[in-house]
PDB file of N, CA and C in Angstrom:
ATOM      1  N   MET A   1      65.712  97.998 124.492  1.00  0.00           N
ATOM      2  CA  MET A   1      66.412  99.046 125.253  1.00  0.00           C
ATOM      3  C   MET A   1      67.882  98.165 125.764  1.00  0.00           C
ATOM      4  N   ARG A   2      67.307  96.794 126.047  1.00  0.00           N
ATOM      5  CA  ARG A   2      68.785  95.927 126.285  1.00  0.00           C
ATOM      6  C   ARG A   2      69.173  95.558 125.376  1.00  0.00           C
ATOM      7  N   PHE A   3      68.505  95.678 123.963  1.00  0.00           N
ATOM      8  CA  PHE A   3      69.187  95.597 122.674  1.00  0.00           C
ATOM      9  C   PHE A   3      70.509  96.744 122.472  1.00  0.00           C
ATOM     10  N   LEU A   4      70.218  97.156 122.703  1.00  0.00           N
ATOM     11  CA  LEU A   4      70.797  98.579 122.343  1.00  0.00           C
ATOM     12  C   LEU A   4      72.474  98.345 122.487  1.00  0.00           C
ATOM     13  N   PRO A   5      73.005  97.833 123.536  1.00  0.00           N
ATOM     14  CA  PRO A   5      74.401  97.514 123.557  1.00  0.00           C
ATOM     15  C   PRO A   5      74.850  96.363 122.930  1.00  0.00           C
ATOM     16  N   LEU A   6      74.191  95.299 122.600  1.00  0.00           N
ATOM     17  CA  LEU A   6      74.303  94.450 122.011  1.00  0.00           C
ATOM     18  C   LEU A   6      74.971  95.113 120.412  1.00  0.00           C
ATOM     19  N   ALA A   7      73.756  95.602 119.756  1.00  0.00           N
ATOM     20  CA  ALA A   7      73.811  96.605 118.465  1.00  0.00           C
ATOM     21  C   ALA A   7      74.632  97.161 118.322  1.00  0.00           C
ATOM     22  N   ALA A   8      75.208  98.080 119.123  1.00  0.00           N
ATOM     23  CA  ALA A   8      76.284  99.038 119.422  1.00  0.00           C
ATOM     24  C   ALA A   8      77.703  98.473 119.466  1.00  0.00           C
ATOM     25  N   ALA A   9      77.907  97.126 120.327  1.00  0.00           N
ATOM     26  CA  ALA A   9      79.031  96.390 119.959  1.00  0.00           C
ATOM     27  C   ALA A   9      79.266  95.353 118.762  1.00  0.00           C
ATOM     28  N   SER A  10      77.775  95.126 117.843  1.00  0.00           N
ATOM     29  CA  SER A  10      77.843  94.353 116.545  1.00  0.00           C
ATOM     30  C   SER A  10      78.449  95.414 115.546  1.00  0.00           C
ATOM     31  N   PHE A  11      77.924  96.522 115.865  1.00  0.00           N
ATOM     32  CA  PHE A  11      78.518  97.485 114.737  1.00  0.00           C
ATOM     33  C   PHE A  11      80.063  98.119 114.718  1.00  0.00           C
ATOM     34  N   THR A  12      80.306  97.913 115.776  1.00  0.00           N
ATOM     35  CA  THR A  12      82.197  98.566 116.318  1.00  0.00           C
ATOM     36  C   THR A  12      82.420  97.480 115.548  1.00  0.00           C
ATOM     37  N   LEU A  13      82.317  95.837 116.284  1.00  0.00           N
ATOM     38  CA  LEU A  13      83.137  94.836 115.359  1.00  0.00           C
ATOM     39  C   LEU A  13      82.972  94.893 114.004  1.00  0.00           C
ATOM     40  N   THR A  14      81.401  95.287 113.371  1.00  0.00           N
ATOM     41  CA  THR A  14      81.966  95.142 111.892  1.00  0.00           C
ATOM     42  C   THR A  14      83.025  96.268 111.010  1.00  0.00           C
ATOM     43  N   LEU A  15      82.695  97.126 112.144  1.00  0.00           N
ATOM     44  CA  LEU A  15      83.827  98.403 111.549  1.00  0.00           C
ATOM     45  C   LEU A  15      85.023  97.723 111.425  1.00  0.00           C
ATOM     46  N   LEU A  16      85.573  97.561 112.703  1.00  0.00           N
ATOM     47  CA  LEU A  16      86.578  96.906 113.022  1.00  0.00           C
ATOM     48  C   LEU A  16      87.308  95.846 112.092  1.00  0.00           C
ATOM     49  N   ALA A  17      86.437  94.978 112.030  1.00  0.00           N
ATOM     50  CA  ALA A  17      86.340  93.946 111.020  1.00  0.00           C
ATOM     51  C   ALA A  17      87.257  94.182 109.621  1.00  0.00           C
ATOM     52  N   GLY A  18      86.134  95.097 109.028  1.00  0.00           N
ATOM     53  CA  GLY A  18      86.563  95.533 107.591  1.00  0.00           C
ATOM     54  C   GLY A  18      87.396  96.346 107.646  1.00  0.00           C
ATOM     55  N   CYS A  19      88.270  97.018 108.865  1.00  0.00           N
ATOM     56  CA  CYS A  19      89.595  97.370 108.210  1.00  0.00           C
ATOM     57  C   CYS A  19      90.744  96.714 108.942  1.00  0.00           C
ATOM     58  N   ALA A  20      90.702  95.512 109.874  1.00  0.00           N
ATOM     59  CA  ALA A  20      91.669  94.515 110.011  1.00  0.00           C
ATOM     60  C   ALA A  20      91.629  93.623 108.303  1.00  0.00           C
ATOM     61  N   SER A  21      90.229  93.484 107.744  1.00  0.00           N
ATOM     62  CA  SER A  21      90.729  92.760 106.469  1.00  0.00           C
ATOM     63  C   SER A  21      90.750  93.394 105.077  1.00  0.00           C
ATOM     64  N   ALA A  22      91.002  94.450 105.048  1.00  0.00           N
ATOM     65  CA  ALA A  22      91.205  94.828 104.055  1.00  0.00           C
ATOM     66  C   ALA A  22      92.380  94.104 102.881  1.00  0.00           C
ATOM     67  N   PRO A  23      91.733  94.002 101.563  1.00  0.00           N
ATOM     68  CA  PRO A  23      92.597  93.127 101.034  1.00  0.00           C
ATOM     69  C   PRO A  23      94.013  94.156 100.252  1.00  0.00           C
ATOM     70  N   ASN A  24      94.720  93.160  99.999  1.00  0.00           N
ATOM     71  CA  ASN A  24      96.199  93.935  99.501  1.00  0.00           C
ATOM     72  C   ASN A  24      96.242  93.887  98.266  1.00  0.00           C
ATOM     73  N   GLN A  25      95.491  93.381  97.720  1.00  0.00           N
ATOM     74  CA  GLN A  25      95.704  93.426  96.136  1.00  0.00           C
ATOM     75  C   GLN A  25      95.473  94.711  95.533  1.00  0.00           C
ATOM     76  N   PRO A  26      96.303  94.901  94.520  1.00  0.00           N
ATOM     77  CA  PRO A  26      96.593  96.005  93.939  1.00  0.00           C
ATOM     78  C   PRO A  26      95.170  96.312  93.225  1.00  0.00           C
ATOM     79  N   THR A  27      95.065  97.788  92.988  1.00  0.00           N
ATOM     80  CA  THR A  27      93.802  97.741  92.260  1.00  0.00           C
ATOM     81  C   THR A  27      94.285  97.666  90.257  1.00  0.00           C
ATOM     82  N   LYS A  28      95.594  98.180  90.237  1.00  0.00           N
ATOM     83  CA  LYS A  28      95.987  97.941  89.101  1.00  0.00           C
ATOM     84  C   LYS A  28      97.185  97.426  88.718  1.00  0.00           C
ATOM     85  N   GLU A  29      97.562  96.537  87.691  1.00  0.00           N
ATOM     86  CA  GLU A  29      98.729  95.842  87.267  1.00  0.00           C
ATOM     87  C   GLU A  29      99.373  96.817  86.390  1.00  0.00           C
ATOM     88  N   LEU A  30     100.399  97.073  85.913  1.00  0.00           N
ATOM     89  CA  LEU A  30     100.864  97.488  84.594  1.00  0.00           C
ATOM     90  C   LEU A  30     102.259  96.921  84.404  1.00  0.00           C
ATOM     91  N   LEU A  31     102.320  97.422  83.072  1.00  0.00           N
ATOM     92  CA  LEU A  31     104.092  96.615  82.805  1.00  0.00           C
ATOM     93  C   LEU A  31     104.481  98.048  82.114  1.00  0.00           C
ATOM     94  N   THR A  32     106.036  98.132  82.212  1.00  0.00           N
ATOM     95  CA  THR A  32     106.230  99.211  81.675  1.00  0.00           C
ATOM     96  C   THR A  32     107.381  99.190  80.646  1.00  0.00           C
ATOM     97  N   ALA A  33     107.926  99.650  80.010  1.00  0.00           N
ATOM     98  CA  ALA A  33     109.390  99.657  78.795  1.00  0.00           C
ATOM     99  C   ALA A  33     110.473 100.453  80.058  1.00  0.00           C
ATOM    100  N   LYS A  34     109.860 101.312  81.183  1.00  0.00           N
ATOM    101  CA  LYS A  34     110.769 102.502  81.777  1.00  0.00           C
ATOM    102  C   LYS A  34     111.467 101.713  82.897  1.00  0.00           C
ATOM    103  N   SER A  35     112.481 102.404  83.132  1.00  0.00           N
ATOM    104  CA  SER A  35     113.176 101.752  84.491  1.00  0.00           C
ATOM    105  C   SER A  35     112.230 102.124  85.702  1.00  0.00           C
ATOM    106  N   PRO A  36     112.401 101.451  86.839  1.00  0.00           N
ATOM    107  CA  PRO A  36     111.594 101.823  87.953  1.00  0.00           C
ATOM    108  C   PRO A  36     112.011 103.670  88.132  1.00  0.00           C
ATOM    109  N   GLU A  37     113.071 103.980  88.084  1.00  0.00           N
ATOM    110  CA  GLU A  37     113.276 105.235  88.354  1.00  0.00           C
ATOM    111  C   GLU A  37     112.463 106.219  87.346  1.00  0.00           C
ATOM    112  N   ALA A  38     112.464 106.014  86.414  1.00  0.00           N
ATOM    113  CA  ALA A  38     112.099 107.060  85.157  1.00  0.00           C
ATOM    114  C   ALA A  38     110.655 107.068  85.558  1.00  0.00           C
ATOM    115  N   PHE A  39     109.991 105.781  85.770  1.00  0.00           N
ATOM    116  CA  PHE A  39     108.793 105.935  86.082  1.00  0.00           C
ATOM    117  C   PHE A  39     108.074 106.722  87.200  1.00  0.00           C
ATOM    118  N   SER A  40     108.863 106.368  88.115  1.00  0.00           N
ATOM    119  CA  SER A  40     108.750 106.996  89.411  1.00  0.00           C
ATOM    120  C   SER A  40     108.615 108.488  88.900  1.00  0.00           C
ATOM    121  N   ALA A  41     109.997 109.172  88.737  1.00  0.00           N
ATOM    122  CA  ALA A  41     109.473 110.686  88.362  1.00  0.00           C
ATOM    123  C   ALA A  41     108.404 111.245  87.128  1.00  0.00           C
ATOM    124  N   CYS A  42     108.140 109.829  86.427  1.00  0.00           N
ATOM    125  CA  CYS A  42     107.232 110.563  85.580  1.00  0.00           C
ATOM    126  C   CYS A  42     105.949 111.033  86.344  1.00  0.00           C
ATOM    127  N   VAL A  43     106.087 109.456  87.546  1.00  0.00           N
ATOM    128  CA  VAL A  43     104.489 109.598  88.378  1.00  0.00           C
ATOM    129  C   VAL A  43     104.675 110.852  89.361  1.00  0.00           C
ATOM    130  N   MET A  44     105.879 111.261  89.658  1.00  0.00           N
ATOM    131  CA  MET A  44     106.033 112.513  90.470  1.00  0.00           C
ATOM    132  C   MET A  44     105.455 113.543  89.933  1.00  0.00           C
ATOM    133  N   GLN A  45     105.880 113.703  88.706  1.00  0.00           N
ATOM    134  CA  GLN A  45     105.984 115.083  88.009  1.00  0.00           C
ATOM    135  C   GLN A  45     104.308 115.578  87.771  1.00  0.00           C
ATOM    136  N   LYS A  46     103.390 114.070  87.264  1.00  0.00           N
ATOM    137  CA  LYS A  46     102.119 114.198  87.419  1.00  0.00           C
ATOM    138  C   LYS A  46     101.553 114.478  88.251  1.00  0.00           C
ATOM    139  N   LEU A  47     101.816 113.868  89.570  1.00  0.00           N
ATOM    140  CA  LEU A  47     100.795 113.886  90.712  1.00  0.00           C
ATOM    141  C   LEU A  47     101.641 115.429  91.256  1.00  0.00           C
ATOM    142  N   GLN A  48     102.501 116.092  90.901  1.00  0.00           N
ATOM    143  CA  GLN A  48     103.052 117.232  91.551  1.00  0.00           C
ATOM    144  C   GLN A  48     101.944 118.314  90.852  1.00  0.00           C
ATOM    145  N   GLU A  49     101.904 118.112  89.387  1.00  0.00           N
ATOM    146  CA  GLU A  49     100.894 119.501  88.513  1.00  0.00           C
ATOM    147  C   GLU A  49      99.692 119.182  88.999  1.00  0.00           C
ATOM    148  N   ASN A  50      99.303 117.965  89.575  1.00  0.00           N
ATOM    149  CA  ASN A  50      97.925 118.069  90.079  1.00  0.00           C
ATOM    150  C   ASN A  50      97.964 118.402  91.692  1.00  0.00           C
ATOM    151  N   GLN A  51      98.589 119.474  91.940  1.00  0.00           N
ATOM    152  CA  GLN A  51      98.746 119.999  93.232  1.00  0.00           C
ATOM    153  C   GLN A  51      98.631 118.926  94.538  1.00  0.00           C
ATOM    154  N   GLN A  52      99.402 118.030  94.406  1.00  0.00           N
ATOM    155  CA  GLN A  52      99.352 116.796  95.224  1.00  0.00           C
ATOM    156  C   GLN A  52     100.848 116.371  95.378  1.00  0.00           C
ATOM    157  N   SER A  53     100.912 115.894  96.751  1.00  0.00           N
ATOM    158  CA  SER A  53     102.462 116.084  97.173  1.00  0.00           C
ATOM    159  C   SER A  53     102.961 114.652  97.949  1.00  0.00           C
ATOM    160  N   PRO A  54     103.085 114.109  96.939  1.00  0.00           N
ATOM    161  CA  PRO A  54     103.988 112.177  97.160  1.00  0.00           C
ATOM    162  C   PRO A  54     105.039 112.742  97.686  1.00  0.00           C
ATOM    163  N   ASN A  55     105.478 111.193  98.369  1.00  0.00           N
ATOM    164  CA  ASN A  55     106.653 110.814  98.914  1.00  0.00           C
ATOM    165  C   ASN A  55     107.091 109.959  98.236  1.00  0.00           C
ATOM    166  N   VAL A  56     108.221 109.985  97.625  1.00  0.00           N
ATOM    167  CA  VAL A  56     109.370 108.635  97.254  1.00  0.00           C
ATOM    168  C   VAL A  56     110.255 107.724  97.934  1.00  0.00           C
ATOM    169  N   THR A  57     110.165 106.633  97.963  1.00  0.00           N
ATOM    170  CA  THR A  57     111.365 105.946  98.815  1.00  0.00           C
ATOM    171  C   THR A  57     111.837 105.058  97.810  1.00  0.00           C
ATOM    172  N   HIS A  58     112.847 104.266  97.879  1.00  0.00           N
ATOM    173  CA  HIS A  58     113.357 103.414  96.632  1.00  0.00           C
ATOM    174  C   HIS A  58     114.551 102.410  97.678  1.00  0.00           C
ATOM    175  N   THR A  59     114.714 101.328  96.808  1.00  0.00           N
ATOM    176  CA  THR A  59     115.533 100.124  96.989  1.00  0.00           C
ATOM    177  C   THR A  59     116.392  99.902  95.988  1.00  0.00           C
ATOM    178  N   SER A  60     117.213  99.262  96.013  1.00  0.00           N
ATOM    179  CA  SER A  60     118.000  98.880  94.374  1.00  0.00           C
ATOM    180  C   SER A  60     117.314  98.307  93.569  1.00  0.00           C
ATOM    181  N   ARG A  61     116.151  97.629  93.721  1.00  0.00           N
ATOM    182  CA  ARG A  61     115.084  96.728  92.622  1.00  0.00           C
ATOM    183  C   ARG A  61     113.581  97.475  92.127  1.00  0.00           C
ATOM    184  N   SER A  62     113.495  98.879  93.182  1.00  0.00           N
ATOM    185  CA  SER A  62     112.161  99.239  93.280  1.00  0.00           C
ATOM    186  C   SER A  62     111.950 100.691  93.792  1.00  0.00           C
ATOM    187  N   TYR A  63     111.092 101.125  93.138  1.00  0.00           N
ATOM    188  CA  TYR A  63     110.617 102.381  93.624  1.00  0.00           C
ATOM    189  C   TYR A  63     109.183 102.532  94.255  1.00  0.00           C
ATOM    190  N   ARG A  64     108.849 103.238  95.337  1.00  0.00           N
ATOM    191  CA  ARG A  64     107.711 103.310  95.813  1.00  0.00           C
ATOM    192  C   ARG A  64     107.068 104.682  95.687  1.00  0.00           C
ATOM    193  N   VAL A  65     106.249 105.383  95.402  1.00  0.00           N
ATOM    194  CA  VAL A  65     105.216 106.343  95.259  1.00  0.00           C
ATOM    195  C   VAL A  65     104.284 106.298  96.200  1.00  0.00           C
ATOM    196  N   ILE A  66     104.066 107.366  97.919  1.00  0.00           N
ATOM    197  CA  ILE A  66     103.173 107.619  98.412  1.00  0.00           C
ATOM    198  C   ILE A  66     102.548 108.824  98.636  1.00  0.00           C
ATOM    199  N   LEU A  67     101.223 108.600  98.306  1.00  0.00           N
ATOM    200  CA  LEU A  67     100.038 109.790  98.676  1.00  0.00           C
ATOM    201  C   LEU A  67      99.842 109.465  99.817  1.00  0.00           C
ATOM    202  N   SER A  68     100.337 110.165 100.873  1.00  0.00           N
ATOM    203  CA  SER A  68      99.638 109.875 102.503  1.00  0.00           C
ATOM    204  C   SER A  68      98.320 110.669 102.631  1.00  0.00           C
ATOM    205  N   SER A  69      97.203 109.799 103.420  1.00  0.00           N
ATOM    206  CA  SER A  69      96.130 110.406 103.815  1.00  0.00           C
ATOM    207  C   SER A  69      95.888 110.590 104.907  1.00  0.00           C
ATOM    208  N   PRO A  70      95.320 111.977 105.647  1.00  0.00           N
ATOM    209  CA  PRO A  70      95.262 111.814 106.928  1.00  0.00           C
ATOM    210  C   PRO A  70      93.731 111.176 107.342  1.00  0.00           C
ATOM    211  N   VAL A  71      92.869 110.975 106.732  1.00  0.00           N
ATOM    212  CA  VAL A  71      91.712 110.064 106.684  1.00  0.00           C
ATOM    213  C   VAL A  71      91.722 108.768 106.499  1.00  0.00           C
ATOM    214  N   ALA A  72      92.497 108.307 105.500  1.00  0.00           N
ATOM    215  CA  ALA A  72      92.281 107.033 105.063  1.00  0.00           C
ATOM    216  C   ALA A  72      93.853 106.567 104.570  1.00  0.00           C
ATOM    217  N   ALA A  73      93.454 105.276 104.046  1.00  0.00           N
ATOM    218  CA  ALA A  73      94.820 104.578 104.073  1.00  0.00           C
ATOM    219  C   ALA A  73      95.610 105.113 103.189  1.00  0.00           C
ATOM    220  N   ASP A  74      97.238 104.932 103.029  1.00  0.00           N
ATOM    221  CA  ASP A  74      97.472 105.405 101.743  1.00  0.00           C
ATOM    222  C   ASP A  74      97.848 104.958 100.443  1.00  0.00           C
ATOM    223  N   ASN A  75      97.693 105.834  99.459  1.00  0.00           N
ATOM    224  CA  ASN A  75      97.310 105.489  98.084  1.00  0.00           C
ATOM    225  C   ASN A  75      99.128 105.234  97.914  1.00  0.00           C
ATOM    226  N   VAL A  76      99.379 104.064  96.952  1.00  0.00           N
ATOM    227  CA  VAL A  76     100.707 103.705  96.797  1.00  0.00           C
ATOM    228  C   VAL A  76     101.161 103.382  95.502  1.00  0.00           C
ATOM    229  N   ILE A  77     102.201 103.847  94.576  1.00  0.00           N
ATOM    230  CA  ILE A  77     102.128 103.336  93.566  1.00  0.00           C
ATOM    231  C   ILE A  77     103.988 102.649  93.282  1.00  0.00           C
ATOM    232  N   GLU A  78     103.650 100.750  93.456  1.00  0.00           N
ATOM    233  CA  GLU A  78     105.159 100.298  93.520  1.00  0.00           C
ATOM    234  C   GLU A  78     105.988 100.103  91.996  1.00  0.00           C
ATOM    235  N   THR A  79     106.646 100.018  91.942  1.00  0.00           N
ATOM    236  CA  THR A  79     107.623  99.381  90.564  1.00  0.00           C
ATOM    237  C   THR A  79     108.892  99.043  90.726  1.00  0.00           C
ATOM    238  N   PHE A  80     108.475  97.631  90.398  1.00  0.00           N
ATOM    239  CA  PHE A  80     109.807  96.640  90.563  1.00  0.00           C
ATOM    240  C   PHE A  80     110.673  96.703  88.933  1.00  0.00           C
ATOM    241  N   LYS A  81     111.716  96.371  89.071  1.00  0.00           N
ATOM    242  CA  LYS A  81     112.604  96.215  88.326  1.00  0.00           C
ATOM    243  C   LYS A  81     112.474  94.753  87.543  1.00  0.00           C
ATOM    244  N   GLY A  82     112.693  95.101  85.982  1.00  0.00           N
ATOM    245  CA  GLY A  82     112.521  93.584  85.276  1.00  0.00           C
ATOM    246  C   GLY A  82     113.692  93.232  84.530  1.00  0.00           C
ATOM    247  N   ASP A  83     113.074  92.032  83.647  1.00  0.00           N
ATOM    248  CA  ASP A  83     114.371  92.167  83.029  1.00  0.00           C
ATOM    249  C   ASP A  83     114.531  93.103  81.372  1.00  0.00           C
ATOM    250  N   THR A  84     112.910  93.667  81.071  1.00  0.00           N
ATOM    251  CA  THR A  84     112.651  94.692  80.422  1.00  0.00           C
ATOM    252  C   THR A  84     111.950  95.813  80.660  1.00  0.00           C
ATOM    253  N   GLY A  85     112.351  96.435  81.638  1.00  0.00           N
ATOM    254  CA  GLY A  85     111.492  97.684  81.912  1.00  0.00           C
ATOM    255  C   GLY A  85     111.099  96.980  83.822  1.00  0.00           C
ATOM    256  N   GLY A  86     109.687  97.364  83.400  1.00  0.00           N
ATOM    257  CA  GLY A  86     109.257  97.297  85.305  1.00  0.00           C
ATOM    258  C   GLY A  86     108.055  96.785  85.127  1.00  0.00           C
ATOM    259  N   LYS A  87     107.332  96.270  86.500  1.00  0.00           N
ATOM    260  CA  LYS A  87     106.242  95.568  86.855  1.00  0.00           C
ATOM    261  C   LYS A  87     105.660  96.591  87.638  1.00  0.00           C
ATOM    262  N   VAL A  88     104.464  97.596  87.565  1.00  0.00           N
ATOM    263  CA  VAL A  88     103.471  98.317  87.989  1.00  0.00           C
ATOM    264  C   VAL A  88     102.501  97.761  89.122  1.00  0.00           C
ATOM    265  N   TYR A  89     102.709  98.242  90.341  1.00  0.00           N
ATOM    266  CA  TYR A  89     101.494  97.751  91.104  1.00  0.00           C
ATOM    267  C   TYR A  89     100.836  99.187  91.661  1.00  0.00           C
ATOM    268  N   VAL A  90      99.246  99.359  91.249  1.00  0.00           N
ATOM    269  CA  VAL A  90      98.798 100.544  91.986  1.00  0.00           C
ATOM    270  C   VAL A  90      98.023 100.069  93.246  1.00  0.00           C
ATOM    271  N   TYR A  91      98.131 100.657  93.849  1.00  0.00           N
ATOM    272  CA  TYR A  91      96.950 100.396  95.408  1.00  0.00           C
ATOM    273  C   TYR A  91      96.475 102.013  95.309  1.00  0.00           C
ATOM    274  N   GLN A  92      95.253 101.734  94.824  1.00  0.00           N
ATOM    275  CA  GLN A  92      94.338 103.020  95.014  1.00  0.00           C
ATOM    276  C   GLN A  92      93.504 102.767  96.204  1.00  0.00           C
ATOM    277  N   ARG A  93      93.816 103.350  97.234  1.00  0.00           N
ATOM    278  CA  ARG A  93      92.944 103.329  98.789  1.00  0.00           C
ATOM    279  C   ARG A  93      91.969 104.077  98.893  1.00  0.00           C
ATOM    280  N   GLY A  94      91.873 105.080  98.525  1.00  0.00           N
ATOM    281  CA  GLY A  94      91.187 106.389  99.095  1.00  0.00           C
ATOM    282  C   GLY A  94      89.972 106.607  98.065  1.00  0.00           C
ATOM    283  N   LEU A  95      88.832 107.337  98.792  1.00  0.00           N
ATOM    284  CA  LEU A  95      87.882 107.517  97.872  1.00  0.00           C
ATOM    285  C   LEU A  95      87.645 108.364  96.827  1.00  0.00           C
ATOM    286  N   PHE A  96      88.720 109.150  97.168  1.00  0.00           N
ATOM    287  CA  PHE A  96      88.666 110.594  95.922  1.00  0.00           C
ATOM    288  C   PHE A  96      90.051 110.493  95.040  1.00  0.00           C
ATOM    289  N   SER A  97      90.687 109.121  94.929  1.00  0.00           N
ATOM    290  CA  SER A  97      91.875 109.305  94.248  1.00  0.00           C
ATOM    291  C   SER A  97      91.601 108.713  92.887  1.00  0.00           C
ATOM    292  N   GLU A  98      90.730 108.428  91.948  1.00  0.00           N
ATOM    293  CA  GLU A  98      90.818 108.160  91.016  1.00  0.00           C
ATOM    294  C   GLU A  98      91.756 108.318  90.533  1.00  0.00           C
ATOM    295  N   ASN A  99      92.380 109.707  90.027  1.00  0.00           N
ATOM    296  CA  ASN A  99      93.280 109.691  89.316  1.00  0.00           C
ATOM    297  C   ASN A  99      94.926 109.238  89.320  1.00  0.00           C
ATOM    298  N   LEU A 100      94.951 108.468  90.559  1.00  0.00           N
ATOM    299  CA  LEU A 100      96.247 107.524  90.522  1.00  0.00           C
ATOM    300  C   LEU A 100      96.099 106.397  89.596  1.00  0.00           C
ATOM    301  N   VAL A 101      95.220 106.055  89.134  1.00  0.00           N
ATOM    302  CA  VAL A 101      95.549 104.304  88.165  1.00  0.00           C
ATOM    303  C   VAL A 101      96.028 105.093  86.701  1.00  0.00           C
ATOM    304  N   ARG A 102      95.118 106.634  86.350  1.00  0.00           N
ATOM    305  CA  ARG A 102      95.107 107.320  85.054  1.00  0.00           C
ATOM    306  C   ARG A 102      96.773 107.445  85.020  1.00  0.00           C
ATOM    307  N   VAL A 103      96.970 108.106  86.193  1.00  0.00           N
ATOM    308  CA  VAL A 103      98.077 108.829  86.253  1.00  0.00           C
ATOM    309  C   VAL A 103      99.646 107.515  85.770  1.00  0.00           C
ATOM    310  N   ALA A 104      99.416 106.768  86.710  1.00  0.00           N
ATOM    311  CA  ALA A 104     100.198 105.601  86.536  1.00  0.00           C
ATOM    312  C   ALA A 104     100.350 104.932  84.618  1.00  0.00           C
ATOM    313  N   SER A 105      98.673 104.874  84.177  1.00  0.00           N
ATOM    314  CA  SER A 105      98.667 104.290  82.952  1.00  0.00           C
ATOM    315  C   SER A 105      99.358 105.263  82.116  1.00  0.00           C
ATOM    316  N   GLN A 106      99.410 106.535  82.575  1.00  0.00           N
ATOM    317  CA  GLN A 106      99.655 107.392  81.788  1.00  0.00           C
ATOM    318  C   GLN A 106     101.296 107.509  81.187  1.00  0.00           C
ATOM    319  N   CYS A 107     102.047 107.588  82.610  1.00  0.00           N
ATOM    320  CA  CYS A 107     103.399 107.257  82.496  1.00  0.00           C
ATOM    321  C   CYS A 107     104.003 105.771  82.077  1.00  0.00           C
ATOM    322  N   ALA A 108     103.317 104.891  82.172  1.00  0.00           N
ATOM    323  CA  ALA A 108     103.409 103.560  81.777  1.00  0.00           C
ATOM    324  C   ALA A 108     103.745 103.452  80.352  1.00  0.00           C
TER     325      ALA A 108
END
């Protein structure tokens, strides 16, 4: 009985450590001949066809497509402008977001 608080505290710390130390490595890296704008437009269209509602933000050199989730970390596709097209980074963080890499690969 006296080990119960210690076990509960250990379990809680383990869960929090997992959240705090999540890797920021992309799930997939791709190269595309498309501009970041054209690539993001393709991704947006395909995700909307799959009944998903992505948001897009951009700067002068990059586009970011974000699929928000109320229960998990956001899934993100970032496209950066290069000399001959763009470099794409896919961050697939949700358990049920396996089509994100597929969509990015189709648009590349």
